[in-house]
Every structure is written in structure tokens, then in C-alpha cells.
Amino acid sequence: GLMSDDDLDELEQVACPSAGACGAQFTA
């Protein structure tokens, strides 16, 4: 309950804005 449905929906639309692999020092 710390994030609403609307906030989750907004975040998922902006989290990955371009081509390319995950941006931090993850596996890729």
C-alpha cells in the first residue's frame, strides 16, 4: 500500500525510455 495503482502505472511508462540494456551495473 505504499504506491497506488496510478503511480505504478505512471512509473512503468517512464522507467525505460530508450533502446539499450538495463542502465545500472546489473549483469549486462
PDB file of all heavy atoms in Angstrom:
ATOM      1  N   GLY A   1       0.766  -1.230   0.000  1.00  0.00           N
ATOM      2  CA  GLY A   1       0.000   0.000   0.000  1.00  0.00           C
ATOM      3  C   GLY A   1       0.799   1.282   0.000  1.00  0.00           C
ATOM      4  O   GLY A   1       0.248   2.359   0.237  1.00  0.00           O
ATOM      5  N   LEU A   2       2.117   1.181  -0.301  1.00  0.00           N
ATOM      6  CA  LEU A   2       2.955   2.379  -0.315  1.00  0.00           C
ATOM      7  C   LEU A   2       2.993   3.045  -1.688  1.00  0.00           C
ATOM      8  O   LEU A   2       3.602   4.098  -1.836  1.00  0.00           O
ATOM      9  CB  LEU A   2       4.382   2.033   0.123  1.00  0.00           C
ATOM     10  CG  LEU A   2       4.535   1.524   1.563  1.00  0.00           C
ATOM     11  CD1 LEU A   2       5.972   1.142   1.849  1.00  0.00           C
ATOM     12  CD2 LEU A   2       4.052   2.586   2.555  1.00  0.00           C
ATOM     13  N   MET A   3       2.365   2.439  -2.683  1.00  0.00           N
ATOM     14  CA  MET A   3       2.265   3.033  -4.017  1.00  0.00           C
ATOM     15  C   MET A   3       0.901   2.692  -4.593  1.00  0.00           C
ATOM     16  O   MET A   3       0.455   1.548  -4.518  1.00  0.00           O
ATOM     17  CB  MET A   3       3.396   2.530  -4.924  1.00  0.00           C
ATOM     18  CG  MET A   3       3.323   3.075  -6.347  1.00  0.00           C
ATOM     19  SD  MET A   3       4.774   2.687  -7.370  1.00  0.00           S
ATOM     20  CE  MET A   3       5.911   3.977  -6.852  1.00  0.00           C
ATOM     21  N   SER A   4       0.267   3.684  -5.167  1.00  0.00           N
ATOM     22  CA  SER A   4      -1.076   3.493  -5.709  1.00  0.00           C
ATOM     23  C   SER A   4      -1.023   2.842  -7.089  1.00  0.00           C
ATOM     24  O   SER A   4       0.032   2.794  -7.733  1.00  0.00           O
ATOM     25  CB  SER A   4      -1.788   4.841  -5.819  1.00  0.00           C
ATOM     26  OG  SER A   4      -1.169   5.633  -6.831  1.00  0.00           O
ATOM     27  N   ASP A   5      -2.179   2.385  -7.554  1.00  0.00           N
ATOM     28  CA  ASP A   5      -2.274   1.840  -8.905  1.00  0.00           C
ATOM     29  C   ASP A   5      -1.854   2.874  -9.946  1.00  0.00           C
ATOM     30  O   ASP A   5      -1.138   2.560 -10.898  1.00  0.00           O
ATOM     31  CB  ASP A   5      -3.712   1.395  -9.194  1.00  0.00           C
ATOM     32  CG  ASP A   5      -4.127   0.173  -8.395  1.00  0.00           C
ATOM     33  OD1 ASP A   5      -3.248  -0.471  -7.783  1.00  0.00           O
ATOM     34  OD2 ASP A   5      -5.333  -0.133  -8.382  1.00  0.00           O
ATOM     35  N   ASP A   6      -2.299   4.104  -9.758  1.00  0.00           N
ATOM     36  CA  ASP A   6      -1.990   5.158 -10.727  1.00  0.00           C
ATOM     37  C   ASP A   6      -0.494   5.468 -10.757  1.00  0.00           C
ATOM     38  O   ASP A   6       0.082   5.678 -11.834  1.00  0.00           O
ATOM     39  CB  ASP A   6      -2.777   6.426 -10.401  1.00  0.00           C
ATOM     40  CG  ASP A   6      -4.266   6.284 -10.708  1.00  0.00           C
ATOM     41  OD1 ASP A   6      -4.629   5.343 -11.448  1.00  0.00           O
ATOM     42  OD2 ASP A   6      -5.046   7.112 -10.209  1.00  0.00           O
ATOM     43  N   ASP A   7       0.131   5.505  -9.583  1.00  0.00           N
ATOM     44  CA  ASP A   7       1.569   5.782  -9.531  1.00  0.00           C
ATOM     45  C   ASP A   7       2.367   4.657 -10.193  1.00  0.00           C
ATOM     46  O   ASP A   7       3.345   4.901 -10.911  1.00  0.00           O
ATOM     47  CB  ASP A   7       2.029   5.956  -8.079  1.00  0.00           C
ATOM     48  CG  ASP A   7       1.556   7.267  -7.479  1.00  0.00           C
ATOM     49  OD1 ASP A   7       1.033   8.112  -8.225  1.00  0.00           O
ATOM     50  OD2 ASP A   7       1.711   7.444  -6.255  1.00  0.00           O
ATOM     51  N   LEU A   8       1.963   3.425  -9.939  1.00  0.00           N
ATOM     52  CA  LEU A   8       2.638   2.281 -10.551  1.00  0.00           C
ATOM     53  C   LEU A   8       2.504   2.345 -12.070  1.00  0.00           C
ATOM     54  O   LEU A   8       3.480   2.119 -12.806  1.00  0.00           O
ATOM     55  CB  LEU A   8       2.045   0.972 -10.019  1.00  0.00           C
ATOM     56  CG  LEU A   8       2.750  -0.321 -10.430  1.00  0.00           C
ATOM     57  CD1 LEU A   8       4.156  -0.387  -9.850  1.00  0.00           C
ATOM     58  CD2 LEU A   8       1.934  -1.535  -9.990  1.00  0.00           C
ATOM     59  N   ASP A   9       1.318   2.698 -12.534  1.00  0.00           N
ATOM     60  CA  ASP A   9       1.081   2.820 -13.967  1.00  0.00           C
ATOM     61  C   ASP A   9       1.932   3.925 -14.581  1.00  0.00           C
ATOM     62  O   ASP A   9       2.518   3.762 -15.664  1.00  0.00           O
ATOM     63  CB  ASP A   9      -0.405   3.107 -14.218  1.00  0.00           C
ATOM     64  CG  ASP A   9      -0.714   3.246 -15.700  1.00  0.00           C
ATOM     65  OD1 ASP A   9      -0.618   2.246 -16.430  1.00  0.00           O
ATOM     66  OD2 ASP A   9      -1.044   4.370 -16.130  1.00  0.00           O
ATOM     67  N   GLU A  10       2.056   5.040 -13.890  1.00  0.00           N
ATOM     68  CA  GLU A  10       2.870   6.155 -14.395  1.00  0.00           C
ATOM     69  C   GLU A  10       4.345   5.771 -14.446  1.00  0.00           C
ATOM     70  O   GLU A  10       5.036   6.063 -15.427  1.00  0.00           O
ATOM     71  CB  GLU A  10       2.678   7.389 -13.511  1.00  0.00           C
ATOM     72  CG  GLU A  10       3.463   8.596 -13.977  1.00  0.00           C
ATOM     73  CD  GLU A  10       3.309   9.800 -13.046  1.00  0.00           C
ATOM     74  OE1 GLU A  10       2.347   9.814 -12.241  1.00  0.00           O
ATOM     75  OE2 GLU A  10       4.159  10.715 -13.117  1.00  0.00           O
ATOM     76  N   LEU A  11       4.812   5.107 -13.394  1.00  0.00           N
ATOM     77  CA  LEU A  11       6.220   4.733 -13.328  1.00  0.00           C
ATOM     78  C   LEU A  11       6.586   3.751 -14.444  1.00  0.00           C
ATOM     79  O   LEU A  11       7.635   3.894 -15.083  1.00  0.00           O
ATOM     80  CB  LEU A  11       6.545   4.125 -11.963  1.00  0.00           C
ATOM     81  CG  LEU A  11       7.983   3.625 -11.751  1.00  0.00           C
ATOM     82  CD1 LEU A  11       8.991   4.770 -11.941  1.00  0.00           C
ATOM     83  CD2 LEU A  11       8.137   3.002 -10.366  1.00  0.00           C
ATOM     84  N   GLU A  12       5.741   2.764 -14.697  1.00  0.00           N
ATOM     85  CA  GLU A  12       6.082   1.758 -15.698  1.00  0.00           C
ATOM     86  C   GLU A  12       6.175   2.341 -17.098  1.00  0.00           C
ATOM     87  O   GLU A  12       6.850   1.791 -17.969  1.00  0.00           O
ATOM     88  CB  GLU A  12       5.095   0.598 -15.672  1.00  0.00           C
ATOM     89  CG  GLU A  12       3.715   0.898 -16.201  1.00  0.00           C
ATOM     90  CD  GLU A  12       2.766  -0.290 -16.069  1.00  0.00           C
ATOM     91  OE1 GLU A  12       2.526  -0.750 -14.943  1.00  0.00           O
ATOM     92  OE2 GLU A  12       2.276  -0.746 -17.113  1.00  0.00           O
ATOM     93  N   GLN A  13       5.542   3.480 -17.316  1.00  0.00           N
ATOM     94  CA  GLN A  13       5.581   4.096 -18.642  1.00  0.00           C
ATOM     95  C   GLN A  13       6.820   4.970 -18.866  1.00  0.00           C
ATOM     96  O   GLN A  13       7.109   5.349 -20.003  1.00  0.00           O
ATOM     97  CB  GLN A  13       4.323   4.933 -18.862  1.00  0.00           C
ATOM     98  CG  GLN A  13       3.053   4.087 -18.917  1.00  0.00           C
ATOM     99  CD  GLN A  13       1.821   4.904 -19.221  1.00  0.00           C
ATOM    100  OE1 GLN A  13       1.781   5.635 -20.219  1.00  0.00           O
ATOM    101  NE2 GLN A  13       0.818   4.801 -18.368  1.00  0.00           N
ATOM    102  N   VAL A  14       7.556   5.274 -17.807  1.00  0.00           N
ATOM    103  CA  VAL A  14       8.714   6.176 -17.947  1.00  0.00           C
ATOM    104  C   VAL A  14      10.029   5.542 -17.505  1.00  0.00           C
ATOM    105  O   VAL A  14      11.096   6.136 -17.700  1.00  0.00           O
ATOM    106  CB  VAL A  14       8.493   7.485 -17.155  1.00  0.00           C
ATOM    107  CG1 VAL A  14       7.270   8.222 -17.666  1.00  0.00           C
ATOM    108  CG2 VAL A  14       8.383   7.223 -15.652  1.00  0.00           C
ATOM    109  N   ALA A  15       9.989   4.357 -16.911  1.00  0.00           N
ATOM    110  CA  ALA A  15      11.200   3.782 -16.320  1.00  0.00           C
ATOM    111  C   ALA A  15      12.248   3.416 -17.367  1.00  0.00           C
ATOM    112  O   ALA A  15      13.451   3.478 -17.094  1.00  0.00           O
ATOM    113  CB  ALA A  15      10.843   2.549 -15.480  1.00  0.00           C
ATOM    114  N   CYS A  16      11.821   3.024 -18.566  1.00  0.00           N
ATOM    115  CA  CYS A  16      12.741   2.553 -19.605  1.00  0.00           C
ATOM    116  C   CYS A  16      12.503   3.366 -20.875  1.00  0.00           C
ATOM    117  O   CYS A  16      11.712   2.963 -21.740  1.00  0.00           O
ATOM    118  CB  CYS A  16      12.522   1.064 -19.863  1.00  0.00           C
ATOM    119  SG  CYS A  16      12.805   0.018 -18.416  1.00  0.00           S
ATOM    120  N   PRO A  17      13.186   4.508 -21.030  1.00  0.00           N
ATOM    121  CA  PRO A  17      12.821   5.464 -22.078  1.00  0.00           C
ATOM    122  C   PRO A  17      13.503   5.291 -23.426  1.00  0.00           C
ATOM    123  O   PRO A  17      13.269   6.088 -24.340  1.00  0.00           O
ATOM    124  CB  PRO A  17      13.238   6.791 -21.452  1.00  0.00           C
ATOM    125  CG  PRO A  17      14.456   6.437 -20.652  1.00  0.00           C
ATOM    126  CD  PRO A  17      14.188   5.067 -20.104  1.00  0.00           C
ATOM    127  N   SER A  18      14.370   4.287 -23.595  1.00  0.00           N
ATOM    128  CA  SER A  18      15.107   4.202 -24.862  1.00  0.00           C
ATOM    129  C   SER A  18      15.540   2.776 -25.128  1.00  0.00           C
ATOM    130  O   SER A  18      15.341   1.880 -24.300  1.00  0.00           O
ATOM    131  CB  SER A  18      16.348   5.105 -24.813  1.00  0.00           C
ATOM    132  OG  SER A  18      17.357   4.531 -23.978  1.00  0.00           O
ATOM    133  N   ALA A  19      16.155   2.568 -26.278  1.00  0.00           N
ATOM    134  CA  ALA A  19      16.814   1.288 -26.551  1.00  0.00           C
ATOM    135  C   ALA A  19      17.991   1.119 -25.612  1.00  0.00           C
ATOM    136  O   ALA A  19      18.546   2.082 -25.088  1.00  0.00           O
ATOM    137  CB  ALA A  19      17.290   1.251 -28.004  1.00  0.00           C
ATOM    138  N   GLY A  20      18.385  -0.134 -25.397  1.00  0.00           N
ATOM    139  CA  GLY A  20      19.565  -0.409 -24.583  1.00  0.00           C
ATOM    140  C   GLY A  20      19.273  -1.350 -23.433  1.00  0.00           C
ATOM    141  O   GLY A  20      18.125  -1.590 -23.064  1.00  0.00           O
ATOM    142  N   ALA A  21      20.341  -1.894 -22.862  1.00  0.00           N
ATOM    143  CA  ALA A  21      20.233  -2.817 -21.738  1.00  0.00           C
ATOM    144  C   ALA A  21      20.063  -2.038 -20.433  1.00  0.00           C
ATOM    145  O   ALA A  21      20.379  -0.848 -20.354  1.00  0.00           O
ATOM    146  CB  ALA A  21      21.476  -3.691 -21.665  1.00  0.00           C
ATOM    147  N   CYS A  22      19.587  -2.742 -19.410  1.00  0.00           N
ATOM    148  CA  CYS A  22      19.336  -2.115 -18.105  1.00  0.00           C
ATOM    149  C   CYS A  22      20.530  -1.251 -17.696  1.00  0.00           C
ATOM    150  O   CYS A  22      21.674  -1.680 -17.769  1.00  0.00           O
ATOM    151  CB  CYS A  22      19.070  -3.179 -17.052  1.00  0.00           C
ATOM    152  SG  CYS A  22      17.637  -4.202 -17.413  1.00  0.00           S
ATOM    153  N   GLY A  23      20.225  -0.019 -17.228  1.00  0.00           N
ATOM    154  CA  GLY A  23      21.240   1.022 -17.212  1.00  0.00           C
ATOM    155  C   GLY A  23      22.260   1.024 -16.106  1.00  0.00           C
ATOM    156  O   GLY A  23      23.278   1.696 -16.213  1.00  0.00           O
ATOM    157  N   ALA A  24      22.013   0.314 -15.014  1.00  0.00           N
ATOM    158  CA  ALA A  24      22.955   0.338 -13.899  1.00  0.00           C
ATOM    159  C   ALA A  24      23.931  -0.833 -14.014  1.00  0.00           C
ATOM    160  O   ALA A  24      23.963  -1.529 -15.024  1.00  0.00           O
ATOM    161  CB  ALA A  24      22.194   0.310 -12.579  1.00  0.00           C
ATOM    162  N   GLN A  25      24.724  -1.043 -12.968  1.00  0.00           N
ATOM    163  CA  GLN A  25      25.743  -2.096 -13.033  1.00  0.00           C
ATOM    164  C   GLN A  25      25.111  -3.443 -12.698  1.00  0.00           C
ATOM    165  O   GLN A  25      25.495  -4.134 -11.774  1.00  0.00           O
ATOM    166  CB  GLN A  25      26.924  -1.767 -12.091  1.00  0.00           C
ATOM    167  CG  GLN A  25      28.219  -2.504 -12.429  1.00  0.00           C
ATOM    168  CD  GLN A  25      28.849  -2.069 -13.743  1.00  0.00           C
ATOM    169  OE1 GLN A  25      28.253  -1.359 -14.529  1.00  0.00           O
ATOM    170  NE2 GLN A  25      30.082  -2.485 -13.985  1.00  0.00           N
ATOM    171  N   PHE A  26      24.091  -3.759 -13.507  1.00  0.00           N
ATOM    172  CA  PHE A  26      23.463  -5.054 -13.434  1.00  0.00           C
ATOM    173  C   PHE A  26      24.287  -6.008 -14.313  1.00  0.00           C
ATOM    174  O   PHE A  26      25.400  -5.687 -14.708  1.00  0.00           O
ATOM    175  CB  PHE A  26      22.013  -4.980 -13.897  1.00  0.00           C
ATOM    176  CG  PHE A  26      21.181  -3.899 -13.229  1.00  0.00           C
ATOM    177  CD1 PHE A  26      20.111  -3.321 -13.890  1.00  0.00           C
ATOM    178  CD2 PHE A  26      21.463  -3.456 -11.943  1.00  0.00           C
ATOM    179  CE1 PHE A  26      19.339  -2.334 -13.303  1.00  0.00           C
ATOM    180  CE2 PHE A  26      20.698  -2.467 -11.333  1.00  0.00           C
ATOM    181  CZ  PHE A  26      19.629  -1.898 -12.016  1.00  0.00           C
ATOM    182  N   THR A  27      23.753  -7.166 -14.656  1.00  0.00           N
ATOM    183  CA  THR A  27      24.575  -8.169 -15.337  1.00  0.00           C
ATOM    184  C   THR A  27      25.060  -7.711 -16.708  1.00  0.00           C
ATOM    185  O   THR A  27      26.218  -7.926 -17.078  1.00  0.00           O
ATOM    186  CB  THR A  27      23.822  -9.494 -15.455  1.00  0.00           C
ATOM    187  OG1 THR A  27      23.417  -9.920 -14.155  1.00  0.00           O
ATOM    188  CG2 THR A  27      24.706 -10.567 -16.075  1.00  0.00           C
ATOM    189  N   ALA A  28      24.187  -7.083 -17.503  1.00  0.00           N
ATOM    190  CA  ALA A  28      24.606  -6.690 -18.853  1.00  0.00           C
ATOM    191  C   ALA A  28      25.763  -5.703 -18.799  1.00  0.00           C
ATOM    192  O   ALA A  28      26.786  -5.891 -19.487  1.00  0.00           O
ATOM    193  CB  ALA A  28      23.428  -6.099 -19.616  1.00  0.00           C
TER     194      ALA A  28
END
